[in-house]
Protein backbone atom coordinates (compact mmCIF):
# COMPACT_ATOMS: atom_id res chain seq x y z
CA UNK A 1 -9.72 -19.08 12.49
CA UNK A 2 -10.99 -15.40 12.61
CA UNK A 3 -8.34 -13.31 11.30
CA UNK A 4 -5.39 -13.82 8.95
CA UNK A 5 -2.82 -10.94 8.82
CA UNK A 6 -1.01 -10.92 5.03
CA UNK A 7 2.29 -9.49 4.61
CA UNK A 8 3.97 -9.10 0.77
CA UNK A 9 7.29 -8.50 1.22
CA UNK A 10 10.63 -8.24 -1.14
CA UNK A 11 13.75 -8.06 0.47
CA UNK A 12 12.53 -6.07 3.72
CA UNK A 13 15.08 -7.40 6.34
CA UNK A 14 15.42 -4.17 7.77
CA UNK A 15 11.82 -3.54 8.48
CA UNK A 16 9.85 -6.89 8.53
CA UNK A 17 10.79 -7.70 12.48
CA UNK A 18 9.51 -4.32 13.73
CA UNK A 19 6.24 -4.99 11.36
CA UNK A 20 5.51 -8.49 12.50
CA UNK A 21 6.17 -7.52 16.18
CA UNK A 22 2.86 -5.54 16.18
CA UNK A 23 0.70 -8.53 14.82
CA UNK A 24 0.56 -11.13 17.54
CA UNK A 25 -3.04 -10.17 17.99
CA UNK A 26 -4.08 -12.08 14.58
CA UNK A 27 -5.06 -15.58 14.63
CA UNK A 28 -2.14 -16.26 11.77
CA UNK A 29 0.24 -14.09 9.63
CA UNK A 30 0.96 -15.18 6.27
CA UNK A 31 3.93 -13.86 4.74
CA UNK A 32 4.42 -13.64 0.49
CA UNK A 33 8.01 -13.73 -0.36
CA UNK A 34 8.50 -12.28 -3.53
CA UNK A 35 12.03 -12.85 -5.42
CA UNK A 36 13.78 -12.37 -1.55
CA UNK A 37 17.46 -12.82 -1.76
CA UNK A 38 18.13 -11.34 1.95
CA UNK A 39 17.37 -12.66 5.33
CA UNK A 40 13.74 -11.81 5.37
CA UNK A 41 12.31 -15.39 5.58
CA UNK A 42 14.54 -16.18 8.52
CA UNK A 43 13.87 -13.02 10.41
CA UNK A 44 9.98 -13.24 9.86
CA UNK A 45 10.56 -17.26 10.68
CA UNK A 46 10.26 -15.84 14.44
CA UNK A 47 6.98 -14.72 14.03
CA UNK A 48 5.13 -17.46 11.85
CA UNK A 49 5.56 -20.71 9.96
CA UNK A 50 3.29 -19.57 7.04
CA UNK A 51 5.65 -18.45 3.66
CA UNK A 52 4.68 -18.68 0.46
CA UNK A 53 7.65 -18.19 -1.84
CA UNK A 54 7.50 -17.40 -5.45
CA UNK A 55 8.46 -14.71 -8.28
CA UNK A 56 5.90 -12.44 -9.41
CA UNK A 57 5.95 -9.29 -11.88
CA UNK A 58 2.39 -8.44 -11.22
CA UNK A 59 1.38 -6.72 -7.90
CA UNK A 60 -1.84 -7.58 -8.07
CA UNK A 61 -0.92 -11.76 -8.64
CA UNK A 62 1.30 -11.88 -5.66
CA UNK A 63 -1.61 -10.48 -3.50
CA UNK A 64 -4.15 -12.83 -4.62
CA UNK A 65 -2.07 -15.61 -4.10
CA UNK A 66 -1.54 -14.69 -0.37
CA UNK A 67 -5.21 -13.86 0.00
CA UNK A 68 -5.96 -17.63 -1.28
CA UNK A 69 -3.40 -18.82 1.04
CA UNK A 70 -5.05 -16.99 4.16
CA UNK A 71 -7.16 -19.12 6.57
CA UNK A 72 -9.01 -16.69 8.59
CA UNK A 73 -12.27 -15.64 7.76
CA UNK A 74 -11.43 -11.75 7.71
CA UNK A 75 -7.72 -10.89 6.11
CA UNK A 76 -6.07 -7.92 7.18
CA UNK A 77 -3.35 -6.46 4.35
CA UNK A 78 -0.19 -4.86 6.25
CA UNK A 79 2.94 -3.82 4.43
CA UNK A 80 6.30 -4.28 5.94
CA UNK A 81 6.85 -0.67 6.37
CA UNK A 82 3.61 -0.35 8.33
CA UNK A 83 2.93 -0.68 11.99
CA UNK A 84 -0.20 -1.65 13.92
CA UNK A 85 -0.71 0.19 17.03
CA UNK A 86 -2.36 -1.88 19.77
CA UNK A 87 -5.26 0.54 20.01
CA UNK A 88 -5.92 0.10 16.34
CA UNK A 89 -5.49 -4.01 16.98
CA UNK A 90 -8.03 -4.05 19.72
CA UNK A 91 -10.49 -2.16 17.50
CA UNK A 92 -9.99 -4.53 14.47
CA UNK A 93 -10.61 -7.93 16.90
CA UNK A 94 -13.94 -5.85 18.15
CA UNK A 95 -15.22 -4.79 14.52
CA UNK A 96 -14.61 -8.16 13.34
CA UNK A 97 -16.88 -9.56 15.80
CA UNK A 98 -19.86 -7.63 15.22
CA UNK A 99 -19.71 -5.80 12.03
CA UNK A 100 -22.49 -6.31 9.60
CA UNK A 101 -20.31 -5.27 6.81
CA UNK A 102 -17.56 -7.38 4.40
CA UNK A 103 -14.86 -4.52 4.43
CA UNK A 104 -13.43 -1.93 6.15
CA UNK A 105 -11.04 1.13 5.04
CA UNK A 106 -8.03 1.91 7.47
CA UNK A 107 -6.93 5.56 8.00
CA UNK A 108 -2.78 5.86 7.66
CA UNK A 109 -0.25 8.14 9.19
CA UNK A 110 2.24 8.57 6.62
CA UNK A 111 6.16 8.97 8.06
CA UNK A 112 9.42 10.34 6.31
CA UNK A 113 11.91 9.53 8.82
CA UNK A 114 10.22 10.44 12.06
CA UNK A 115 7.93 13.25 10.65
CA UNK A 116 4.28 12.31 10.49
CA UNK A 117 2.89 13.37 7.48
CA UNK A 118 -1.15 13.65 7.93
CA UNK A 119 -2.04 16.35 5.72
CA UNK A 120 -1.78 16.61 1.69
CA UNK A 121 -1.48 12.73 1.25
CA UNK A 122 -3.05 10.74 -1.55
CA UNK A 123 -3.48 10.41 -5.43
CA UNK A 124 -1.52 7.30 -6.10
CA UNK A 125 1.91 8.54 -4.52
CA UNK A 126 1.05 8.09 -0.95
CA UNK A 127 -2.45 6.89 0.90
CA UNK A 128 -4.59 8.61 3.88
CA UNK A 129 -6.66 5.57 4.10
CA UNK A 130 -6.99 1.77 2.30
CA UNK A 131 -9.46 -1.07 2.33
CA UNK A 132 -7.22 -3.28 4.57
CA UNK A 133 -9.60 -5.36 6.57
CA UNK A 134 -11.94 -7.25 4.82
CA UNK A 135 -13.70 -10.62 4.52
CA UNK A 136 -11.48 -13.26 2.44
CA UNK A 137 -14.02 -13.93 -0.51
CA UNK A 138 -14.82 -10.12 -1.25
CA UNK A 139 -11.65 -8.52 -2.29
CA UNK A 140 -9.86 -9.57 -5.66
CA UNK A 141 -6.51 -7.39 -7.19
CA UNK A 142 -6.17 -6.45 -10.46
CA UNK A 143 -3.48 -7.17 -13.06
CA UNK A 144 -1.40 -3.94 -12.54
CA UNK A 145 2.19 -3.58 -11.22
CA UNK A 146 1.76 -0.72 -9.45
CA UNK A 147 -1.68 0.56 -7.61
CA UNK A 148 -3.82 -2.47 -8.89
CA UNK A 149 -7.46 -2.24 -9.42
CA UNK A 150 -9.77 -3.74 -6.79
CA UNK A 151 -13.11 -5.98 -7.44
CA UNK A 152 -15.39 -6.02 -4.50
CA UNK A 153 -18.12 -8.57 -3.65
CA UNK A 154 -19.10 -7.29 -0.25
CA UNK A 155 -20.68 -4.68 1.37
CA UNK A 156 -18.83 -1.38 2.31
CA UNK A 157 -18.25 -0.33 6.05
CA UNK A 158 -17.36 2.41 8.06
CA UNK A 159 -13.80 3.54 8.40
CA UNK A 160 -11.95 2.64 11.39
CA UNK A 161 -10.91 5.29 14.22
CA UNK A 162 -7.44 4.34 14.83
CA UNK A 163 -4.49 4.77 12.37
CA UNK A 164 -1.75 2.57 10.92
CA UNK A 165 1.54 3.78 11.20
CA UNK A 166 3.31 4.11 7.63
CA UNK A 167 6.97 4.46 7.56
CA UNK A 168 7.11 5.13 3.80
CA UNK A 169 10.18 6.82 3.52
CA UNK A 170 13.64 7.67 5.59
CA UNK A 171 14.16 10.78 3.84
CA UNK A 172 14.01 12.86 0.75
CA UNK A 173 15.98 10.67 -1.26
CA UNK A 174 14.02 7.49 -0.69
CA UNK A 175 10.79 9.87 -1.90
CA UNK A 176 12.76 10.29 -4.87
CA UNK A 177 13.21 6.60 -5.20
CA UNK A 178 9.99 5.65 -4.86
CA UNK A 179 8.79 8.05 -7.51
CA UNK A 180 11.15 6.43 -9.78
CA UNK A 181 10.11 2.87 -9.27
CA UNK A 182 6.54 3.71 -9.44
CA UNK A 183 6.35 5.53 -12.51
CA UNK A 184 8.78 2.72 -14.52
CA UNK A 185 6.32 -0.14 -13.26
CA UNK A 186 3.53 2.19 -14.25
CA UNK A 187 4.85 3.09 -17.59
CA UNK A 188 5.00 -0.72 -18.23
CA UNK A 189 1.33 -1.11 -17.62
CA UNK A 190 0.65 1.71 -19.88
CA UNK A 191 2.63 0.27 -22.53
CA UNK A 192 0.89 -3.08 -22.56
CA UNK A 193 -2.42 -1.61 -22.29
CA UNK A 194 -1.93 1.12 -24.88
CA UNK A 195 -3.90 3.44 -22.37
CA UNK A 196 -1.53 6.32 -22.13
CA UNK A 197 -3.97 9.08 -22.85
CA UNK A 198 -2.00 12.08 -24.34
CA UNK A 199 0.57 14.62 -23.13
CA UNK A 200 -1.85 17.38 -22.51
CA UNK A 201 -3.78 15.76 -20.20
CA UNK A 202 -1.10 14.28 -18.34
CA UNK A 203 0.36 17.52 -18.07
CA UNK A 204 -3.42 19.03 -16.65
CA UNK A 205 -2.75 16.08 -14.01
CA UNK A 206 0.41 17.86 -12.78
CA UNK A 207 -1.36 20.71 -11.69
CA UNK A 208 -4.87 19.33 -10.86
CA UNK A 209 -3.02 16.75 -8.30
CA UNK A 210 -0.74 19.32 -7.01
CA UNK A 211 -3.72 21.26 -6.29
CA UNK A 212 -5.80 18.91 -4.69
CA UNK A 213 -3.18 17.60 -2.49
CA UNK A 214 -1.40 21.07 -1.59
CA UNK A 215 -4.45 23.08 -0.81
CA UNK A 216 -7.68 21.06 -1.13
CA UNK A 217 -6.17 18.44 1.32
CA UNK A 218 -4.06 20.81 3.15
CA UNK A 219 -0.59 19.64 2.47
CA UNK A 220 0.46 23.06 3.22
CA UNK A 221 0.22 22.56 6.80
CA UNK A 222 3.12 20.15 6.44
CA UNK A 223 5.43 22.54 5.39
CA UNK A 224 8.20 21.62 2.77
CA UNK A 225 7.36 17.95 2.82
CA UNK A 226 3.50 18.83 1.95
CA UNK A 227 5.12 20.58 -1.10
CA UNK A 228 7.32 17.55 -1.92
CA UNK A 229 4.27 15.05 -1.53
CA UNK A 230 1.86 17.30 -3.73
CA UNK A 231 4.88 17.89 -6.47
CA UNK A 232 5.28 14.20 -6.63
CA UNK A 233 1.56 13.47 -6.63
CA UNK A 234 1.50 15.58 -9.71
CA UNK A 235 4.41 14.39 -11.40
CA UNK A 236 3.52 10.32 -11.33
CA UNK A 237 1.28 10.42 -14.13
CA UNK A 238 3.17 12.87 -16.40
CA UNK A 239 6.16 10.78 -15.85
CA UNK A 240 4.75 7.56 -15.99
CA UNK A 241 3.28 8.77 -19.61
CA UNK A 242 6.82 9.76 -20.56
CA UNK A 243 8.46 6.92 -19.53
CA UNK A 244 5.75 4.92 -21.45
CA UNK A 245 6.29 6.95 -24.36
CA UNK A 246 9.75 7.47 -24.81
CA UNK A 247 11.30 4.15 -23.37
CA UNK A 248 10.95 0.71 -24.54
CA UNK A 249 11.22 -1.40 -21.10
């Protein structure tokens, strides 16, 4: 078995089918069901019979569990709100049969509703690319609730040309909810480790991250959405810090 696709989900009944439909090019699809209470498993069972069910508070732990369960030599990690276009699927199959490297990054097109956001992404709030294609034994996630760290034991390869479609938010309200969820999870990590830094440094990050996303990464080309992505990227560390300092759970 050459290629496993890993999809880690929590109550994704509205997204799971469209995600899995595009993954038929893989040798197997492994779905990790984290505290699912909706019909995600029933809908996903139309495409696979490989399920890992459980309850995890740590993002890194549930992803490592999924990687361990994969049988393929190569693993492709995909979230339920991501779609793999046919051109990328073909490129992935070609790469894993010929590459001398152990892992590769995938470019991402983020969408808010039907609007593609290509410029200004990154800086923890969104992703312009991610290391999603790798040999099973070379990648290990860290012990964090949100944006876990990564440990690599292999050789980094080139960026693939074709892009993942990431339907990250339906609208601006979803963007705000996501920011709230991310910062709450990050605040819990900060409280447990005690690595909150200082208010001044996190305030500086608000401006430096906004500048990086809006100007250096040309978020201004996306109009109002580019401004919001840059603003939320800047707010992410500051809000996480304030929640860690001012709240106790």
